[in-house]
Amino acid sequence: MKVLIVEDEATTRLLLLKFMKLSKFDTVDAVNGEDALQCLVASSFDAVVTDWMMPKMNGMELIEKIRKTIKPAPFILMLTAISTEEARRKSIEAGVDAFLMKPFDTTEVIET
């Protein structure tokens, strides 16, 4: 399974990369939504794990662009520190397949 990790915070991004690779996922990372969209246009992915708050293009904008332009669209997991029900609702409306909050359990991310 090929997974794109989109996270601007270096420590979180490296942690996700490490655990995904240990779980035998083929992983690529991007530091913001713009970089992620370029990766998605250049190559196909089975899943995208994205943060919400990022520079240049945030996770919500990325999700909307994925749903409009990438066919077939990958599974999208929103992994964010924004922990309100309103955030969950907005993410689902934007097109996420799953929503998890930070701090996260790496096992839960891998299983999702």
PDB file of N, CA and C in Angstrom:
ATOM      1  N   MET A   1       0.846  -1.175   0.000  1.00  0.00           N
ATOM      2  CA  MET A   1       0.000   0.000   0.000  1.00  0.00           C
ATOM      3  C   MET A   1       0.891   1.238   0.000  1.00  0.00           C
ATOM      4  N   LYS A   2       0.594   2.194  -0.868  1.00  0.00           N
ATOM      5  CA  LYS A   2       1.360   3.427  -0.977  1.00  0.00           C
ATOM      6  C   LYS A   2       0.603   4.552  -0.273  1.00  0.00           C
ATOM      7  N   VAL A   3       1.290   5.198   0.691  1.00  0.00           N
ATOM      8  CA  VAL A   3       0.669   6.215   1.539  1.00  0.00           C
ATOM      9  C   VAL A   3       1.431   7.531   1.429  1.00  0.00           C
ATOM     10  N   LEU A   4       0.680   8.614   1.255  1.00  0.00           N
ATOM     11  CA  LEU A   4       1.242   9.958   1.266  1.00  0.00           C
ATOM     12  C   LEU A   4       0.943  10.590   2.619  1.00  0.00           C
ATOM     13  N   ILE A   5       1.998  11.004   3.318  1.00  0.00           N
ATOM     14  CA  ILE A   5       1.858  11.653   4.618  1.00  0.00           C
ATOM     15  C   ILE A   5       2.070  13.153   4.410  1.00  0.00           C
ATOM     16  N   VAL A   6       1.077  13.941   4.795  1.00  0.00           N
ATOM     17  CA  VAL A   6       1.124  15.391   4.606  1.00  0.00           C
ATOM     18  C   VAL A   6       1.088  16.046   5.979  1.00  0.00           C
ATOM     19  N   GLU A   7       2.231  16.552   6.409  1.00  0.00           N
ATOM     20  CA  GLU A   7       2.364  17.090   7.771  1.00  0.00           C
ATOM     21  C   GLU A   7       3.486  18.119   7.776  1.00  0.00           C
ATOM     22  N   ASP A   8       3.200  19.333   8.234  1.00  0.00           N
ATOM     23  CA  ASP A   8       4.219  20.376   8.258  1.00  0.00           C
ATOM     24  C   ASP A   8       5.133  20.291   9.476  1.00  0.00           C
ATOM     25  N   GLU A   9       4.697  19.661  10.521  1.00  0.00           N
ATOM     26  CA  GLU A   9       5.503  19.549  11.735  1.00  0.00           C
ATOM     27  C   GLU A   9       6.459  18.360  11.586  1.00  0.00           C
ATOM     28  N   ALA A  10       7.758  18.648  11.573  1.00  0.00           N
ATOM     29  CA  ALA A  10       8.778  17.649  11.233  1.00  0.00           C
ATOM     30  C   ALA A  10       8.759  16.425  12.156  1.00  0.00           C
ATOM     31  N   THR A  11       8.639  16.610  13.444  1.00  0.00           N
ATOM     32  CA  THR A  11       8.669  15.479  14.372  1.00  0.00           C
ATOM     33  C   THR A  11       7.494  14.538  14.129  1.00  0.00           C
ATOM     34  N   THR A  12       6.315  15.093  13.972  1.00  0.00           N
ATOM     35  CA  THR A  12       5.132  14.262  13.714  1.00  0.00           C
ATOM     36  C   THR A  12       5.267  13.544  12.377  1.00  0.00           C
ATOM     37  N   ARG A  13       5.744  14.262  11.352  1.00  0.00           N
ATOM     38  CA  ARG A  13       5.924  13.659  10.039  1.00  0.00           C
ATOM     39  C   ARG A  13       6.910  12.485  10.100  1.00  0.00           C
ATOM     40  N   LEU A  14       8.032  12.666  10.780  1.00  0.00           N
ATOM     41  CA  LEU A  14       9.026  11.597  10.889  1.00  0.00           C
ATOM     42  C   LEU A  14       8.495  10.406  11.687  1.00  0.00           C
ATOM     43  N   LEU A  15       7.737  10.669  12.740  1.00  0.00           N
ATOM     44  CA  LEU A  15       7.139   9.594  13.518  1.00  0.00           C
ATOM     45  C   LEU A  15       6.178   8.773  12.655  1.00  0.00           C
ATOM     46  N   LEU A  16       5.324   9.460  11.902  1.00  0.00           N
ATOM     47  CA  LEU A  16       4.387   8.752  11.022  1.00  0.00           C
ATOM     48  C   LEU A  16       5.136   7.945   9.960  1.00  0.00           C
ATOM     49  N   LEU A  17       6.150   8.535   9.364  1.00  0.00           N
ATOM     50  CA  LEU A  17       6.939   7.823   8.353  1.00  0.00           C
ATOM     51  C   LEU A  17       7.568   6.559   8.935  1.00  0.00           C
ATOM     52  N   LYS A  18       8.145   6.698  10.110  1.00  0.00           N
ATOM     53  CA  LYS A  18       8.805   5.556  10.752  1.00  0.00           C
ATOM     54  C   LYS A  18       7.822   4.410  10.999  1.00  0.00           C
ATOM     55  N   PHE A  19       6.678   4.707  11.599  1.00  0.00           N
ATOM     56  CA  PHE A  19       5.726   3.650  11.916  1.00  0.00           C
ATOM     57  C   PHE A  19       5.062   3.072  10.676  1.00  0.00           C
ATOM     58  N   MET A  20       4.831   3.887   9.668  1.00  0.00           N
ATOM     59  CA  MET A  20       4.264   3.363   8.418  1.00  0.00           C
ATOM     60  C   MET A  20       5.254   2.409   7.742  1.00  0.00           C
ATOM     61  N   LYS A  21       6.518   2.797   7.719  1.00  0.00           N
ATOM     62  CA  LYS A  21       7.537   1.944   7.099  1.00  0.00           C
ATOM     63  C   LYS A  21       7.715   0.644   7.882  1.00  0.00           C
ATOM     64  N   LEU A  22       7.687   0.725   9.203  1.00  0.00           N
ATOM     65  CA  LEU A  22       7.783  -0.489  10.024  1.00  0.00           C
ATOM     66  C   LEU A  22       6.604  -1.429   9.766  1.00  0.00           C
ATOM     67  N   SER A  23       5.480  -0.866   9.388  1.00  0.00           N
ATOM     68  CA  SER A  23       4.290  -1.663   9.079  1.00  0.00           C
ATOM     69  C   SER A  23       4.231  -2.052   7.602  1.00  0.00           C
ATOM     70  N   LYS A  24       5.353  -1.861   6.911  1.00  0.00           N
ATOM     71  CA  LYS A  24       5.519  -2.297   5.511  1.00  0.00           C
ATOM     72  C   LYS A  24       4.729  -1.480   4.494  1.00  0.00           C
ATOM     73  N   PHE A  25       4.381  -0.236   4.841  1.00  0.00           N
ATOM     74  CA  PHE A  25       3.746   0.651   3.871  1.00  0.00           C
ATOM     75  C   PHE A  25       4.830   1.360   3.071  1.00  0.00           C
ATOM     76  N   ASP A  26       4.576   1.585   1.799  1.00  0.00           N
ATOM     77  CA  ASP A  26       5.439   2.389   0.945  1.00  0.00           C
ATOM     78  C   ASP A  26       5.012   3.829   1.190  1.00  0.00           C
ATOM     79  N   THR A  27       5.903   4.672   1.738  1.00  0.00           N
ATOM     80  CA  THR A  27       5.491   6.011   2.149  1.00  0.00           C
ATOM     81  C   THR A  27       6.254   7.111   1.427  1.00  0.00           C
ATOM     82  N   VAL A  28       5.559   8.198   1.207  1.00  0.00           N
ATOM     83  CA  VAL A  28       6.112   9.436   0.657  1.00  0.00           C
ATOM     84  C   VAL A  28       5.588  10.539   1.555  1.00  0.00           C
ATOM     85  N   ASP A  29       6.377  11.604   1.750  1.00  0.00           N
ATOM     86  CA  ASP A  29       5.894  12.679   2.600  1.00  0.00           C
ATOM     87  C   ASP A  29       5.914  14.016   1.881  1.00  0.00           C
ATOM     88  N   ALA A  30       5.051  14.901   2.350  1.00  0.00           N
ATOM     89  CA  ALA A  30       4.949  16.273   1.857  1.00  0.00           C
ATOM     90  C   ALA A  30       4.741  17.183   3.058  1.00  0.00           C
ATOM     91  N   VAL A  31       5.221  18.421   2.957  1.00  0.00           N
ATOM     92  CA  VAL A  31       5.148  19.340   4.106  1.00  0.00           C
ATOM     93  C   VAL A  31       3.954  20.282   4.067  1.00  0.00           C
ATOM     94  N   ASN A  32       3.194  20.273   2.960  1.00  0.00           N
ATOM     95  CA  ASN A  32       1.995  21.100   2.878  1.00  0.00           C
ATOM     96  C   ASN A  32       1.104  20.577   1.760  1.00  0.00           C
ATOM     97  N   GLY A  33      -0.072  21.153   1.641  1.00  0.00           N
ATOM     98  CA  GLY A  33      -1.031  20.692   0.651  1.00  0.00           C
ATOM     99  C   GLY A  33      -0.582  20.878  -0.781  1.00  0.00           C
ATOM    100  N   GLU A  34       0.132  21.969  -1.070  1.00  0.00           N
ATOM    101  CA  GLU A  34       0.618  22.183  -2.430  1.00  0.00           C
ATOM    102  C   GLU A  34       1.577  21.083  -2.850  1.00  0.00           C
ATOM    103  N   ASP A  35       2.550  20.770  -1.979  1.00  0.00           N
ATOM    104  CA  ASP A  35       3.496  19.690  -2.279  1.00  0.00           C
ATOM    105  C   ASP A  35       2.766  18.358  -2.432  1.00  0.00           C
ATOM    106  N   ALA A  36       1.780  18.123  -1.574  1.00  0.00           N
ATOM    107  CA  ALA A  36       1.021  16.876  -1.620  1.00  0.00           C
ATOM    108  C   ALA A  36       0.267  16.741  -2.936  1.00  0.00           C
ATOM    109  N   LEU A  37      -0.349  17.816  -3.393  1.00  0.00           N
ATOM    110  CA  LEU A  37      -1.098  17.763  -4.645  1.00  0.00           C
ATOM    111  C   LEU A  37      -0.175  17.456  -5.818  1.00  0.00           C
ATOM    112  N   GLN A  38       1.017  18.009  -5.806  1.00  0.00           N
ATOM    113  CA  GLN A  38       2.008  17.693  -6.845  1.00  0.00           C
ATOM    114  C   GLN A  38       2.358  16.207  -6.823  1.00  0.00           C
ATOM    115  N   CYS A  39       2.530  15.653  -5.630  1.00  0.00           N
ATOM    116  CA  CYS A  39       2.824  14.211  -5.491  1.00  0.00           C
ATOM    117  C   CYS A  39       1.668  13.382  -6.047  1.00  0.00           C
ATOM    118  N   LEU A  40       0.449  13.781  -5.744  1.00  0.00           N
ATOM    119  CA  LEU A  40      -0.741  13.040  -6.171  1.00  0.00           C
ATOM    120  C   LEU A  40      -0.942  13.095  -7.681  1.00  0.00           C
ATOM    121  N   VAL A  41      -0.558  14.193  -8.306  1.00  0.00           N
ATOM    122  CA  VAL A  41      -0.664  14.313  -9.755  1.00  0.00           C
ATOM    123  C   VAL A  41       0.413  13.449 -10.428  1.00  0.00           C
ATOM    124  N   ALA A  42       1.597  13.393  -9.815  1.00  0.00           N
ATOM    125  CA  ALA A  42       2.721  12.666 -10.391  1.00  0.00           C
ATOM    126  C   ALA A  42       2.642  11.152 -10.200  1.00  0.00           C
ATOM    127  N   SER A  43       1.949  10.704  -9.153  1.00  0.00           N
ATOM    128  CA  SER A  43       1.933   9.281  -8.825  1.00  0.00           C
ATOM    129  C   SER A  43       0.615   8.930  -8.132  1.00  0.00           C
ATOM    130  N   SER A  44       0.220   7.670  -8.218  1.00  0.00           N
ATOM    131  CA  SER A  44      -1.011   7.264  -7.539  1.00  0.00           C
ATOM    132  C   SER A  44      -0.700   6.773  -6.127  1.00  0.00           C
ATOM    133  N   PHE A  45      -1.642   7.024  -5.228  1.00  0.00           N
ATOM    134  CA  PHE A  45      -1.514   6.619  -3.828  1.00  0.00           C
ATOM    135  C   PHE A  45      -2.790   5.913  -3.406  1.00  0.00           C
ATOM    136  N   ASP A  46      -2.641   4.966  -2.492  1.00  0.00           N
ATOM    137  CA  ASP A  46      -3.790   4.262  -1.941  1.00  0.00           C
ATOM    138  C   ASP A  46      -4.431   5.046  -0.810  1.00  0.00           C
ATOM    139  N   ALA A  47      -3.611   5.833  -0.097  1.00  0.00           N
ATOM    140  CA  ALA A  47      -4.111   6.582   1.058  1.00  0.00           C
ATOM    141  C   ALA A  47      -3.319   7.865   1.247  1.00  0.00           C
ATOM    142  N   VAL A  48      -3.990   8.849   1.845  1.00  0.00           N
ATOM    143  CA  VAL A  48      -3.365  10.113   2.228  1.00  0.00           C
ATOM    144  C   VAL A  48      -3.681  10.342   3.698  1.00  0.00           C
ATOM    145  N   VAL A  49      -2.648  10.610   4.484  1.00  0.00           N
ATOM    146  CA  VAL A  49      -2.815  10.993   5.883  1.00  0.00           C
ATOM    147  C   VAL A  49      -2.417  12.457   5.955  1.00  0.00           C
ATOM    148  N   THR A  50      -3.366  13.336   6.264  1.00  0.00           N
ATOM    149  CA  THR A  50      -3.076  14.765   6.230  1.00  0.00           C
ATOM    150  C   THR A  50      -3.437  15.487   7.517  1.00  0.00           C
ATOM    151  N   ASP A  51      -2.628  16.466   7.830  1.00  0.00           N
ATOM    152  CA  ASP A  51      -2.913  17.410   8.902  1.00  0.00           C
ATOM    153  C   ASP A  51      -3.892  18.447   8.350  1.00  0.00           C
ATOM    154  N   TRP A  52      -4.525  19.196   9.227  1.00  0.00           N
ATOM    155  CA  TRP A  52      -5.441  20.250   8.794  1.00  0.00           C
ATOM    156  C   TRP A  52      -4.686  21.564   8.615  1.00  0.00           C
ATOM    157  N   MET A  53      -4.034  22.022   9.675  1.00  0.00           N
ATOM    158  CA  MET A  53      -3.397  23.339   9.680  1.00  0.00           C
ATOM    159  C   MET A  53      -1.970  23.243   9.130  1.00  0.00           C
ATOM    160  N   MET A  54      -1.796  23.751   7.898  1.00  0.00           N
ATOM    161  CA  MET A  54      -0.492  23.751   7.243  1.00  0.00           C
ATOM    162  C   MET A  54      -0.354  25.024   6.419  1.00  0.00           C
ATOM    163  N   PRO A  55       0.887  25.442   6.149  1.00  0.00           N
ATOM    164  CA  PRO A  55       1.082  26.621   5.305  1.00  0.00           C
ATOM    165  C   PRO A  55       0.794  26.309   3.830  1.00  0.00           C
ATOM    166  N   LYS A  56       0.642  27.345   3.048  1.00  0.00           N
ATOM    167  CA  LYS A  56       0.430  27.309   1.594  1.00  0.00           C
ATOM    168  C   LYS A  56      -0.924  26.748   1.199  1.00  0.00           C
ATOM    169  N   MET A  57      -1.216  25.506   1.551  1.00  0.00           N
ATOM    170  CA  MET A  57      -2.531  24.913   1.306  1.00  0.00           C
ATOM    171  C   MET A  57      -2.839  24.003   2.489  1.00  0.00           C
ATOM    172  N   ASN A  58      -3.919  24.283   3.199  1.00  0.00           N
ATOM    173  CA  ASN A  58      -4.226  23.468   4.384  1.00  0.00           C
ATOM    174  C   ASN A  58      -4.886  22.146   3.992  1.00  0.00           C
ATOM    175  N   GLY A  59      -5.081  21.315   4.975  1.00  0.00           N
ATOM    176  CA  GLY A  59      -5.633  19.982   4.731  1.00  0.00           C
ATOM    177  C   GLY A  59      -7.034  19.982   4.153  1.00  0.00           C
ATOM    178  N   MET A  60      -7.858  20.921   4.569  1.00  0.00           N
ATOM    179  CA  MET A  60      -9.224  20.988   4.038  1.00  0.00           C
ATOM    180  C   MET A  60      -9.215  21.343   2.556  1.00  0.00           C
ATOM    181  N   GLU A  61      -8.382  22.301   2.183  1.00  0.00           N
ATOM    182  CA  GLU A  61      -8.258  22.661   0.767  1.00  0.00           C
ATOM    183  C   GLU A  61      -7.727  21.481  -0.040  1.00  0.00           C
ATOM    184  N   LEU A  62      -6.756  20.779   0.530  1.00  0.00           N
ATOM    185  CA  LEU A  62      -6.192  19.613  -0.136  1.00  0.00           C
ATOM    186  C   LEU A  62      -7.258  18.544  -0.376  1.00  0.00           C
ATOM    187  N   ILE A  63      -8.050  18.259   0.625  1.00  0.00           N
ATOM    188  CA  ILE A  63      -9.094  17.238   0.499  1.00  0.00           C
ATOM    189  C   ILE A  63     -10.063  17.598  -0.623  1.00  0.00           C
ATOM    190  N   GLU A  64     -10.487  18.844  -0.640  1.00  0.00           N
ATOM    191  CA  GLU A  64     -11.423  19.275  -1.679  1.00  0.00           C
ATOM    192  C   GLU A  64     -10.816  19.141  -3.073  1.00  0.00           C
ATOM    193  N   LYS A  65      -9.533  19.494  -3.216  1.00  0.00           N
ATOM    194  CA  LYS A  65      -8.863  19.374  -4.517  1.00  0.00           C
ATOM    195  C   LYS A  65      -8.682  17.908  -4.914  1.00  0.00           C
ATOM    196  N   ILE A  66      -8.357  17.060  -3.942  1.00  0.00           N
ATOM    197  CA  ILE A  66      -8.228  15.625  -4.232  1.00  0.00           C
ATOM    198  C   ILE A  66      -9.554  15.097  -4.763  1.00  0.00           C
ATOM    199  N   ARG A  67     -10.633  15.390  -4.076  1.00  0.00           N
ATOM    200  CA  ARG A  67     -11.950  14.866  -4.463  1.00  0.00           C
ATOM    201  C   ARG A  67     -12.390  15.375  -5.835  1.00  0.00           C
ATOM    202  N   LYS A  68     -11.951  16.579  -6.209  1.00  0.00           N
ATOM    203  CA  LYS A  68     -12.337  17.149  -7.502  1.00  0.00           C
ATOM    204  C   LYS A  68     -11.436  16.706  -8.651  1.00  0.00           C
ATOM    205  N   THR A  69     -10.153  16.430  -8.366  1.00  0.00           N
ATOM    206  CA  THR A  69      -9.212  16.239  -9.470  1.00  0.00           C
ATOM    207  C   THR A  69      -8.515  14.891  -9.555  1.00  0.00           C
ATOM    208  N   ILE A  70      -8.432  14.152  -8.474  1.00  0.00           N
ATOM    209  CA  ILE A  70      -7.670  12.893  -8.483  1.00  0.00           C
ATOM    210  C   ILE A  70      -8.641  11.725  -8.622  1.00  0.00           C
ATOM    211  N   LYS A  71      -8.513  10.993  -9.719  1.00  0.00           N
ATOM    212  CA  LYS A  71      -9.391   9.851  -9.990  1.00  0.00           C
ATOM    213  C   LYS A  71      -8.543   8.617 -10.294  1.00  0.00           C
ATOM    214  N   PRO A  72      -8.739   7.529  -9.623  1.00  0.00           N
ATOM    215  CA  PRO A  72      -9.584   7.386  -8.439  1.00  0.00           C
ATOM    216  C   PRO A  72      -8.929   8.067  -7.236  1.00  0.00           C
ATOM    217  N   ALA A  73      -9.754   8.612  -6.384  1.00  0.00           N
ATOM    218  CA  ALA A  73      -9.259   9.296  -5.183  1.00  0.00           C
ATOM    219  C   ALA A  73      -8.788   8.275  -4.159  1.00  0.00           C
ATOM    220  N   PRO A  74      -7.697   8.575  -3.474  1.00  0.00           N
ATOM    221  CA  PRO A  74      -7.230   7.681  -2.416  1.00  0.00           C
ATOM    222  C   PRO A  74      -8.097   7.793  -1.163  1.00  0.00           C
ATOM    223  N   PHE A  75      -7.944   6.835  -0.272  1.00  0.00           N
ATOM    224  CA  PHE A  75      -8.532   6.912   1.069  1.00  0.00           C
ATOM    225  C   PHE A  75      -7.883   8.107   1.760  1.00  0.00           C
ATOM    226  N   ILE A  76      -8.661   8.942   2.434  1.00  0.00           N
ATOM    227  CA  ILE A  76      -8.112  10.133   3.094  1.00  0.00           C
ATOM    228  C   ILE A  76      -8.397  10.087   4.591  1.00  0.00           C
ATOM    229  N   LEU A  77      -7.315  10.185   5.368  1.00  0.00           N
ATOM    230  CA  LEU A  77      -7.393  10.243   6.828  1.00  0.00           C
ATOM    231  C   LEU A  77      -6.965  11.629   7.280  1.00  0.00           C
ATOM    232  N   MET A  78      -7.836  12.344   7.961  1.00  0.00           N
ATOM    233  CA  MET A  78      -7.498  13.629   8.570  1.00  0.00           C
ATOM    234  C   MET A  78      -6.963  13.340   9.961  1.00  0.00           C
ATOM    235  N   LEU A  79      -5.749  13.815  10.226  1.00  0.00           N
ATOM    236  CA  LEU A  79      -5.100  13.625  11.520  1.00  0.00           C
ATOM    237  C   LEU A  79      -4.765  15.018  12.046  1.00  0.00           C
ATOM    238  N   THR A  80      -5.543  15.514  13.005  1.00  0.00           N
ATOM    239  CA  THR A  80      -5.446  16.917  13.391  1.00  0.00           C
ATOM    240  C   THR A  80      -5.550  17.141  14.896  1.00  0.00           C
ATOM    241  N   ALA A  81      -5.036  18.292  15.317  1.00  0.00           N
ATOM    242  CA  ALA A  81      -5.159  18.701  16.718  1.00  0.00           C
ATOM    243  C   ALA A  81      -6.480  19.432  16.960  1.00  0.00           C
ATOM    244  N   ILE A  82      -7.198  19.741  15.897  1.00  0.00           N
ATOM    245  CA  ILE A  82      -8.500  20.411  16.036  1.00  0.00           C
ATOM    246  C   ILE A  82      -9.510  19.343  16.440  1.00  0.00           C
ATOM    247  N   SER A  83      -9.937  19.397  17.679  1.00  0.00           N
ATOM    248  CA  SER A  83     -10.663  18.267  18.255  1.00  0.00           C
ATOM    249  C   SER A  83     -12.149  18.510  18.524  1.00  0.00           C
ATOM    250  N   THR A  84     -12.752  19.399  17.789  1.00  0.00           N
ATOM    251  CA  THR A  84     -14.168  19.677  18.024  1.00  0.00           C
ATOM    252  C   THR A  84     -15.056  18.813  17.116  1.00  0.00           C
ATOM    253  N   GLU A  85     -16.293  18.670  17.510  1.00  0.00           N
ATOM    254  CA  GLU A  85     -17.259  17.962  16.659  1.00  0.00           C
ATOM    255  C   GLU A  85     -17.493  18.728  15.363  1.00  0.00           C
ATOM    256  N   GLU A  86     -17.424  20.048  15.450  1.00  0.00           N
ATOM    257  CA  GLU A  86     -17.556  20.888  14.251  1.00  0.00           C
ATOM    258  C   GLU A  86     -16.435  20.576  13.249  1.00  0.00           C
ATOM    259  N   ALA A  87     -15.219  20.390  13.753  1.00  0.00           N
ATOM    260  CA  ALA A  87     -14.084  20.048  12.879  1.00  0.00           C
ATOM    261  C   ALA A  87     -14.310  18.688  12.223  1.00  0.00           C
ATOM    262  N   ARG A  88     -14.774  17.737  13.002  1.00  0.00           N
ATOM    263  CA  ARG A  88     -15.067  16.405  12.461  1.00  0.00           C
ATOM    264  C   ARG A  88     -16.137  16.500  11.365  1.00  0.00           C
ATOM    265  N   ARG A  89     -17.188  17.245  11.635  1.00  0.00           N
ATOM    266  CA  ARG A  89     -18.274  17.400  10.661  1.00  0.00           C
ATOM    267  C   ARG A  89     -17.769  18.053   9.377  1.00  0.00           C
ATOM    268  N   LYS A  90     -17.002  19.136   9.512  1.00  0.00           N
ATOM    269  CA  LYS A  90     -16.477  19.831   8.335  1.00  0.00           C
ATOM    270  C   LYS A  90     -15.546  18.925   7.524  1.00  0.00           C
ATOM    271  N   SER A  91     -14.756  18.117   8.210  1.00  0.00           N
ATOM    272  CA  SER A  91     -13.851  17.190   7.524  1.00  0.00           C
ATOM    273  C   SER A  91     -14.630  16.160   6.724  1.00  0.00           C
ATOM    274  N   ILE A  92     -15.663  15.627   7.332  1.00  0.00           N
ATOM    275  CA  ILE A  92     -16.489  14.628   6.647  1.00  0.00           C
ATOM    276  C   ILE A  92     -17.195  15.252   5.449  1.00  0.00           C
ATOM    277  N   GLU A  93     -17.708  16.462   5.632  1.00  0.00           N
ATOM    278  CA  GLU A  93     -18.356  17.160   4.515  1.00  0.00           C
ATOM    279  C   GLU A  93     -17.375  17.431   3.381  1.00  0.00           C
ATOM    280  N   ALA A  94     -16.112  17.693   3.719  1.00  0.00           N
ATOM    281  CA  ALA A  94     -15.090  17.956   2.702  1.00  0.00           C
ATOM    282  C   ALA A  94     -14.692  16.687   1.962  1.00  0.00           C
ATOM    283  N   GLY A  95     -14.933  15.531   2.578  1.00  0.00           N
ATOM    284  CA  GLY A  95     -14.653  14.282   1.888  1.00  0.00           C
ATOM    285  C   GLY A  95     -13.667  13.333   2.528  1.00  0.00           C
ATOM    286  N   VAL A  96     -13.337  13.523   3.812  1.00  0.00           N
ATOM    287  CA  VAL A  96     -12.433  12.561   4.445  1.00  0.00           C
ATOM    288  C   VAL A  96     -13.141  11.225   4.649  1.00  0.00           C
ATOM    289  N   ASP A  97     -12.350  10.180   4.678  1.00  0.00           N
ATOM    290  CA  ASP A  97     -12.881   8.847   4.945  1.00  0.00           C
ATOM    291  C   ASP A  97     -12.782   8.501   6.424  1.00  0.00           C
ATOM    292  N   ALA A  98     -11.825   9.138   7.122  1.00  0.00           N
ATOM    293  CA  ALA A  98     -11.634   8.888   8.553  1.00  0.00           C
ATOM    294  C   ALA A  98     -11.049  10.143   9.191  1.00  0.00           C
ATOM    295  N   PHE A  99     -11.303  10.315  10.476  1.00  0.00           N
ATOM    296  CA  PHE A  99     -10.875  11.499  11.225  1.00  0.00           C
ATOM    297  C   PHE A  99     -10.303  11.032  12.554  1.00  0.00           C
ATOM    298  N   LEU A 100      -9.042  11.364  12.819  1.00  0.00           N
ATOM    299  CA  LEU A 100      -8.411  11.057  14.102  1.00  0.00           C
ATOM    300  C   LEU A 100      -7.804  12.330  14.663  1.00  0.00           C
ATOM    301  N   MET A 101      -7.753  12.405  15.984  1.00  0.00           N
ATOM    302  CA  MET A 101      -7.219  13.590  16.638  1.00  0.00           C
ATOM    303  C   MET A 101      -5.829  13.329  17.211  1.00  0.00           C
ATOM    304  N   LYS A 102      -5.040  14.403  17.249  1.00  0.00           N
ATOM    305  CA  LYS A 102      -3.731  14.377  17.901  1.00  0.00           C
ATOM    306  C   LYS A 102      -3.950  14.716  19.368  1.00  0.00           C
ATOM    307  N   PRO A 103      -3.176  14.187  20.281  1.00  0.00           N
ATOM    308  CA  PRO A 103      -2.144  13.192  20.027  1.00  0.00           C
ATOM    309  C   PRO A 103      -2.782  11.873  19.601  1.00  0.00           C
ATOM    310  N   PHE A 104      -2.080  11.143  18.773  1.00  0.00           N
ATOM    311  CA  PHE A 104      -2.635   9.937  18.194  1.00  0.00           C
ATOM    312  C   PHE A 104      -1.888   8.701  18.646  1.00  0.00           C
ATOM    313  N   ASP A 105      -2.572   7.592  18.544  1.00  0.00           N
ATOM    314  CA  ASP A 105      -1.994   6.280  18.813  1.00  0.00           C
ATOM    315  C   ASP A 105      -1.547   5.741  17.456  1.00  0.00           C
ATOM    316  N   THR A 106      -0.261   5.445  17.306  1.00  0.00           N
ATOM    317  CA  THR A 106       0.245   4.992  16.009  1.00  0.00           C
ATOM    318  C   THR A 106      -0.449   3.734  15.524  1.00  0.00           C
ATOM    319  N   THR A 107      -0.811   2.863  16.431  1.00  0.00           N
ATOM    320  CA  THR A 107      -1.531   1.642  16.057  1.00  0.00           C
ATOM    321  C   THR A 107      -2.872   1.979  15.425  1.00  0.00           C
ATOM    322  N   GLU A 108      -3.579   2.950  15.993  1.00  0.00           N
ATOM    323  CA  GLU A 108      -4.859   3.351  15.450  1.00  0.00           C
ATOM    324  C   GLU A 108      -4.711   3.949  14.045  1.00  0.00           C
ATOM    325  N   VAL A 109      -3.652   4.725  13.846  1.00  0.00           N
ATOM    326  CA  VAL A 109      -3.399   5.307  12.516  1.00  0.00           C
ATOM    327  C   VAL A 109      -3.139   4.186  11.516  1.00  0.00           C
ATOM    328  N   ILE A 110      -2.293   3.248  11.866  1.00  0.00           N
ATOM    329  CA  ILE A 110      -1.952   2.142  10.980  1.00  0.00           C
ATOM    330  C   ILE A 110      -3.208   1.313  10.658  1.00  0.00           C
ATOM    331  N   GLU A 111      -4.009   1.018  11.665  1.00  0.00           N
ATOM    332  CA  GLU A 111      -5.217   0.215  11.443  1.00  0.00           C
ATOM    333  C   GLU A 111      -6.244   0.954  10.592  1.00  0.00           C
ATOM    334  N   THR A 112      -6.322   2.258  10.755  1.00  0.00           N
ATOM    335  CA  THR A 112      -7.270   3.046   9.967  1.00  0.00           C
ATOM    336  C   THR A 112      -6.844   3.072   8.527  1.00  0.00           C
TER     337      THR A 112
END
